[in-house]
Amino acid sequence: MKTNACRLLDALKIPYETRAYEVDPEDLSGQMVAKKIGLPAEQVFKTLLTRVDQNEIVFAVLSVADELDFKKLAAAASGRRAELVPIKEVQPLTGYIRGGVTVFGSKKSFPVFVDESVELFDLISVSAGMRGLQILLAPADYLRAAEAKLVELTRSASSSREGDAQ
């Protein structure tokens, strides 16, 4: 099946493969997607739609195994505060539903920030723009096609432990 995301990669002559999986509407977690497509969670990347300083919309792309550090995202986007866009606004802004959001072929073009952990792998998986279908491609190709900025977006293990202690 060809999605808009696939068509965009085709137009850019970027090699990729797709991997379909059965969708469980009760569990749309990235961990479950990773399990179903047979990749470690660290290699499967989620695309979050966020708002910086209650104004600018940006995509944050990070491994499903990690948690977004909103302060790091805000700093990367030259802002002070970041938050997730409410689910009801995601489809009108991107054209995609929860569990199928991708930066490729979005209704509007928003800045893309990708966690630097993407470079640890030869191959990553991202949504193909619909639930039940993933795109597998090289991180460098993803970054180029997404016109993404590579930044640190996740909470470090030490800061997580410090947060647990409070």
C-alpha atoms as a PDB file:
ATOM      1  CA  MET A   1       0.000   0.000   0.000  1.00  0.00           C
ATOM      2  CA  LYS A   2       1.300   3.445  -0.934  1.00  0.00           C
ATOM      3  CA  THR A   3       0.641   6.259   1.506  1.00  0.00           C
ATOM      4  CA  ASN A   4       1.477   9.940   0.996  1.00  0.00           C
ATOM      5  CA  ALA A   5       4.593   9.324   3.088  1.00  0.00           C
ATOM      6  CA  CYS A   6       5.679   6.535   0.716  1.00  0.00           C
ATOM      7  CA  ARG A   7       4.974   8.695  -2.323  1.00  0.00           C
ATOM      8  CA  LEU A   8       7.101  11.502  -0.886  1.00  0.00           C
ATOM      9  CA  LEU A   9      10.025   9.119  -0.298  1.00  0.00           C
ATOM     10  CA  ASP A  10       9.566   7.728  -3.832  1.00  0.00           C
ATOM     11  CA  ALA A  11       9.708  11.257  -5.261  1.00  0.00           C
ATOM     12  CA  LEU A  12      12.955  11.878  -3.337  1.00  0.00           C
ATOM     13  CA  LYS A  13      14.311   8.510  -4.580  1.00  0.00           C
ATOM     14  CA  ILE A  14      14.899   7.401  -0.992  1.00  0.00           C
ATOM     15  CA  PRO A  15      15.037   3.630  -0.481  1.00  0.00           C
ATOM     16  CA  TYR A  16      12.692   2.212   2.157  1.00  0.00           C
ATOM     17  CA  GLU A  17      10.575  -0.786   2.923  1.00  0.00           C
ATOM     18  CA  THR A  18       7.170  -0.985   4.529  1.00  0.00           C
ATOM     19  CA  ARG A  19       6.111  -3.379   7.224  1.00  0.00           C
ATOM     20  CA  ALA A  20       2.437  -3.981   7.991  1.00  0.00           C
ATOM     21  CA  TYR A  21       1.111  -5.092  11.350  1.00  0.00           C
ATOM     22  CA  GLU A  22      -2.279  -5.821  12.863  1.00  0.00           C
ATOM     23  CA  VAL A  23      -3.659  -2.841  14.768  1.00  0.00           C
ATOM     24  CA  ASP A  24      -5.084  -3.274  18.249  1.00  0.00           C
ATOM     25  CA  PRO A  25      -7.240  -0.174  18.874  1.00  0.00           C
ATOM     26  CA  GLU A  26      -6.914  -0.854  22.614  1.00  0.00           C
ATOM     27  CA  ASP A  27      -3.106  -0.644  22.475  1.00  0.00           C
ATOM     28  CA  LEU A  28      -1.619   1.908  20.076  1.00  0.00           C
ATOM     29  CA  SER A  29       1.648   2.077  22.009  1.00  0.00           C
ATOM     30  CA  GLY A  30       4.939   2.257  20.194  1.00  0.00           C
ATOM     31  CA  GLN A  31       6.175  -0.653  22.298  1.00  0.00           C
ATOM     32  CA  MET A  32       3.434  -2.836  20.832  1.00  0.00           C
ATOM     33  CA  VAL A  33       4.235  -1.654  17.295  1.00  0.00           C
ATOM     34  CA  ALA A  34       7.910  -2.536  17.824  1.00  0.00           C
ATOM     35  CA  LYS A  35       6.959  -6.004  19.022  1.00  0.00           C
ATOM     36  CA  LYS A  36       4.617  -6.581  16.082  1.00  0.00           C
ATOM     37  CA  ILE A  37       7.157  -5.521  13.442  1.00  0.00           C
ATOM     38  CA  GLY A  38      10.018  -7.390  15.120  1.00  0.00           C
ATOM     39  CA  LEU A  39      12.341  -4.489  15.952  1.00  0.00           C
ATOM     40  CA  PRO A  40      13.732  -3.344  19.297  1.00  0.00           C
ATOM     41  CA  ALA A  41      11.736  -0.410  20.720  1.00  0.00           C
ATOM     42  CA  GLU A  42      14.875   1.756  20.496  1.00  0.00           C
ATOM     43  CA  GLN A  43      14.742   1.510  16.661  1.00  0.00           C
ATOM     44  CA  VAL A  44      11.072   2.427  16.346  1.00  0.00           C
ATOM     45  CA  PHE A  45      10.504   6.181  16.375  1.00  0.00           C
ATOM     46  CA  LYS A  46       7.322   7.995  17.347  1.00  0.00           C
ATOM     47  CA  THR A  47       6.287  11.367  15.953  1.00  0.00           C
ATOM     48  CA  LEU A  48       4.764  13.744  18.480  1.00  0.00           C
ATOM     49  CA  LEU A  49       3.049  16.981  17.533  1.00  0.00           C
ATOM     50  CA  THR A  50       3.963  19.670  20.034  1.00  0.00           C
ATOM     51  CA  ARG A  51       3.444  23.353  20.659  1.00  0.00           C
ATOM     52  CA  VAL A  52       6.290  25.603  21.775  1.00  0.00           C
ATOM     53  CA  ASP A  53       5.462  28.715  23.821  1.00  0.00           C
ATOM     54  CA  GLN A  54       1.728  28.147  23.152  1.00  0.00           C
ATOM     55  CA  ASN A  55       2.394  29.250  19.595  1.00  0.00           C
ATOM     56  CA  GLU A  56       4.740  27.406  17.229  1.00  0.00           C
ATOM     57  CA  ILE A  57       3.862  23.859  16.181  1.00  0.00           C
ATOM     58  CA  VAL A  58       6.807  21.457  15.833  1.00  0.00           C
ATOM     59  CA  PHE A  59       7.300  17.719  15.410  1.00  0.00           C
ATOM     60  CA  ALA A  60       9.388  15.867  18.004  1.00  0.00           C
ATOM     61  CA  VAL A  61      10.644  12.479  16.807  1.00  0.00           C
ATOM     62  CA  LEU A  62      12.150  10.044  19.303  1.00  0.00           C
ATOM     63  CA  SER A  63      12.383   6.367  20.082  1.00  0.00           C
ATOM     64  CA  VAL A  64       9.269   4.747  21.504  1.00  0.00           C
ATOM     65  CA  ALA A  65      11.531   3.485  24.301  1.00  0.00           C
ATOM     66  CA  ASP A  66      12.243   7.057  25.423  1.00  0.00           C
ATOM     67  CA  GLU A  67      10.356   9.912  27.006  1.00  0.00           C
ATOM     68  CA  LEU A  68      10.333  13.421  25.556  1.00  0.00           C
ATOM     69  CA  ASP A  69      12.097  16.062  27.630  1.00  0.00           C
ATOM     70  CA  PHE A  70       9.885  19.092  27.004  1.00  0.00           C
ATOM     71  CA  LYS A  71      12.522  21.531  28.261  1.00  0.00           C
ATOM     72  CA  LYS A  72      15.078  20.205  25.776  1.00  0.00           C
ATOM     73  CA  LEU A  73      12.574  20.434  22.942  1.00  0.00           C
ATOM     74  CA  ALA A  74      11.635  24.006  23.887  1.00  0.00           C
ATOM     75  CA  ALA A  75      15.310  25.008  23.999  1.00  0.00           C
ATOM     76  CA  ALA A  76      15.969  23.353  20.618  1.00  0.00           C
ATOM     77  CA  ALA A  77      13.051  25.335  19.143  1.00  0.00           C
ATOM     78  CA  SER A  78      14.319  28.571  20.739  1.00  0.00           C
ATOM     79  CA  GLY A  79      11.418  28.638  23.149  1.00  0.00           C
ATOM     80  CA  ARG A  80      10.828  28.470  26.864  1.00  0.00           C
ATOM     81  CA  ARG A  81       8.066  25.867  27.151  1.00  0.00           C
ATOM     82  CA  ALA A  82       6.749  22.946  25.115  1.00  0.00           C
ATOM     83  CA  GLU A  83       3.692  20.739  25.428  1.00  0.00           C
ATOM     84  CA  LEU A  84       1.853  18.104  23.420  1.00  0.00           C
ATOM     85  CA  VAL A  85      -0.830  19.359  21.057  1.00  0.00           C
ATOM     86  CA  PRO A  86      -4.229  18.047  22.241  1.00  0.00           C
ATOM     87  CA  ILE A  87      -5.240  14.878  20.382  1.00  0.00           C
ATOM     88  CA  LYS A  88      -8.331  16.596  18.898  1.00  0.00           C
ATOM     89  CA  GLU A  89      -6.056  19.095  17.081  1.00  0.00           C
ATOM     90  CA  VAL A  90      -3.632  16.529  15.614  1.00  0.00           C
ATOM     91  CA  GLN A  91      -5.699  15.407  12.621  1.00  0.00           C
ATOM     92  CA  PRO A  92      -6.797  18.913  11.556  1.00  0.00           C
ATOM     93  CA  LEU A  93      -3.141  20.075  11.680  1.00  0.00           C
ATOM     94  CA  THR A  94      -1.444  17.038  10.116  1.00  0.00           C
ATOM     95  CA  GLY A  95      -4.117  15.026   8.318  1.00  0.00           C
ATOM     96  CA  TYR A  96      -3.099  12.001  10.401  1.00  0.00           C
ATOM     97  CA  ILE A  97      -4.756  10.213  13.311  1.00  0.00           C
ATOM     98  CA  ARG A  98      -3.107   9.131  16.556  1.00  0.00           C
ATOM     99  CA  GLY A  99      -0.966   6.088  15.905  1.00  0.00           C
ATOM    100  CA  GLY A 100      -0.385   7.127  12.295  1.00  0.00           C
ATOM    101  CA  VAL A 101       1.316  10.513  12.564  1.00  0.00           C
ATOM    102  CA  THR A 102       4.386  11.087  10.408  1.00  0.00           C
ATOM    103  CA  VAL A 103       6.255  14.180   9.271  1.00  0.00           C
ATOM    104  CA  PHE A 104       6.043  13.008   5.656  1.00  0.00           C
ATOM    105  CA  GLY A 105       3.074  14.358   3.724  1.00  0.00           C
ATOM    106  CA  SER A 106       1.643  16.289   6.658  1.00  0.00           C
ATOM    107  CA  LYS A 107      -1.074  18.823   5.739  1.00  0.00           C
ATOM    108  CA  LYS A 108       1.229  21.614   6.861  1.00  0.00           C
ATOM    109  CA  SER A 109       4.977  21.713   7.059  1.00  0.00           C
ATOM    110  CA  PHE A 110       6.255  22.126  10.616  1.00  0.00           C
ATOM    111  CA  PRO A 111       9.837  22.164  11.908  1.00  0.00           C
ATOM    112  CA  VAL A 112      11.097  18.667  12.738  1.00  0.00           C
ATOM    113  CA  PHE A 113      13.373  17.889  15.696  1.00  0.00           C
ATOM    114  CA  VAL A 114      14.766  14.356  15.862  1.00  0.00           C
ATOM    115  CA  ASP A 115      16.492  12.851  18.875  1.00  0.00           C
ATOM    116  CA  GLU A 116      20.177  12.225  18.271  1.00  0.00           C
ATOM    117  CA  SER A 117      19.780   8.552  19.262  1.00  0.00           C
ATOM    118  CA  VAL A 118      18.523   7.992  15.694  1.00  0.00           C
ATOM    119  CA  GLU A 119      22.161   7.896  14.588  1.00  0.00           C
ATOM    120  CA  LEU A 120      22.850   4.775  16.661  1.00  0.00           C
ATOM    121  CA  PHE A 121      21.106   2.562  14.105  1.00  0.00           C
ATOM    122  CA  ASP A 122      21.521   1.481  10.488  1.00  0.00           C
ATOM    123  CA  LEU A 123      17.751   1.247  10.122  1.00  0.00           C
ATOM    124  CA  ILE A 124      14.828   2.904  11.907  1.00  0.00           C
ATOM    125  CA  SER A 125      11.069   2.560  11.703  1.00  0.00           C
ATOM    126  CA  VAL A 126       8.541   5.407  11.572  1.00  0.00           C
ATOM    127  CA  SER A 127       4.831   5.536  10.832  1.00  0.00           C
ATOM    128  CA  ALA A 128       3.916   5.420   7.150  1.00  0.00           C
ATOM    129  CA  GLY A 129       1.012   7.776   7.809  1.00  0.00           C
ATOM    130  CA  MET A 130      -1.574   5.246   8.911  1.00  0.00           C
ATOM    131  CA  ARG A 131      -2.087   2.791  11.711  1.00  0.00           C
ATOM    132  CA  GLY A 132      -0.844  -0.655  10.782  1.00  0.00           C
ATOM    133  CA  LEU A 133       1.981   0.379   8.444  1.00  0.00           C
ATOM    134  CA  GLN A 134       5.562   1.366   9.237  1.00  0.00           C
ATOM    135  CA  ILE A 135       8.361   2.641   6.997  1.00  0.00           C
ATOM    136  CA  LEU A 136      11.861   1.282   7.555  1.00  0.00           C
ATOM    137  CA  LEU A 137      14.721   3.415   6.265  1.00  0.00           C
ATOM    138  CA  ALA A 138      18.219   4.642   7.027  1.00  0.00           C
ATOM    139  CA  PRO A 139      18.377   7.430   9.636  1.00  0.00           C
ATOM    140  CA  ALA A 140      20.363   9.720   7.307  1.00  0.00           C
ATOM    141  CA  ASP A 141      17.650   9.355   4.656  1.00  0.00           C
ATOM    142  CA  TYR A 142      14.945  10.089   7.229  1.00  0.00           C
ATOM    143  CA  LEU A 143      16.742  13.220   8.423  1.00  0.00           C
ATOM    144  CA  ARG A 144      17.248  14.446   4.850  1.00  0.00           C
ATOM    145  CA  ALA A 145      13.660  13.764   3.740  1.00  0.00           C
ATOM    146  CA  ALA A 146      12.214  15.321   6.912  1.00  0.00           C
ATOM    147  CA  GLU A 147      14.570  18.313   6.720  1.00  0.00           C
ATOM    148  CA  ALA A 148      15.070  17.624  10.398  1.00  0.00           C
ATOM    149  CA  LYS A 149      17.310  19.123  13.010  1.00  0.00           C
ATOM    150  CA  LEU A 150      19.211  16.578  15.094  1.00  0.00           C
ATOM    151  CA  VAL A 151      19.040  17.418  18.818  1.00  0.00           C
ATOM    152  CA  GLU A 152      18.913  15.795  22.245  1.00  0.00           C
ATOM    153  CA  LEU A 153      15.239  15.337  23.096  1.00  0.00           C
ATOM    154  CA  THR A 154      15.103  12.668  25.760  1.00  0.00           C
ATOM    155  CA  ARG A 155      15.518  12.581  29.483  1.00  0.00           C
ATOM    156  CA  SER A 156      18.864  11.172  30.489  1.00  0.00           C
ATOM    157  CA  ALA A 157      18.998   8.237  32.880  1.00  0.00           C
ATOM    158  CA  SER A 158      20.593  10.415  35.568  1.00  0.00           C
ATOM    159  CA  SER A 159      17.917  13.120  35.343  1.00  0.00           C
ATOM    160  CA  SER A 160      15.230  10.439  35.496  1.00  0.00           C
ATOM    161  CA  ARG A 161      16.742   9.085  38.676  1.00  0.00           C
ATOM    162  CA  GLU A 162      16.990  12.553  40.160  1.00  0.00           C
ATOM    163  CA  GLY A 163      13.313  13.106  39.338  1.00  0.00           C
ATOM    164  CA  ASP A 164      12.397   9.813  41.013  1.00  0.00           C
ATOM    165  CA  ALA A 165      14.134  10.894  44.192  1.00  0.00           C
ATOM    166  CA  GLN A 166      11.992  14.000  44.622  1.00  0.00           C
END
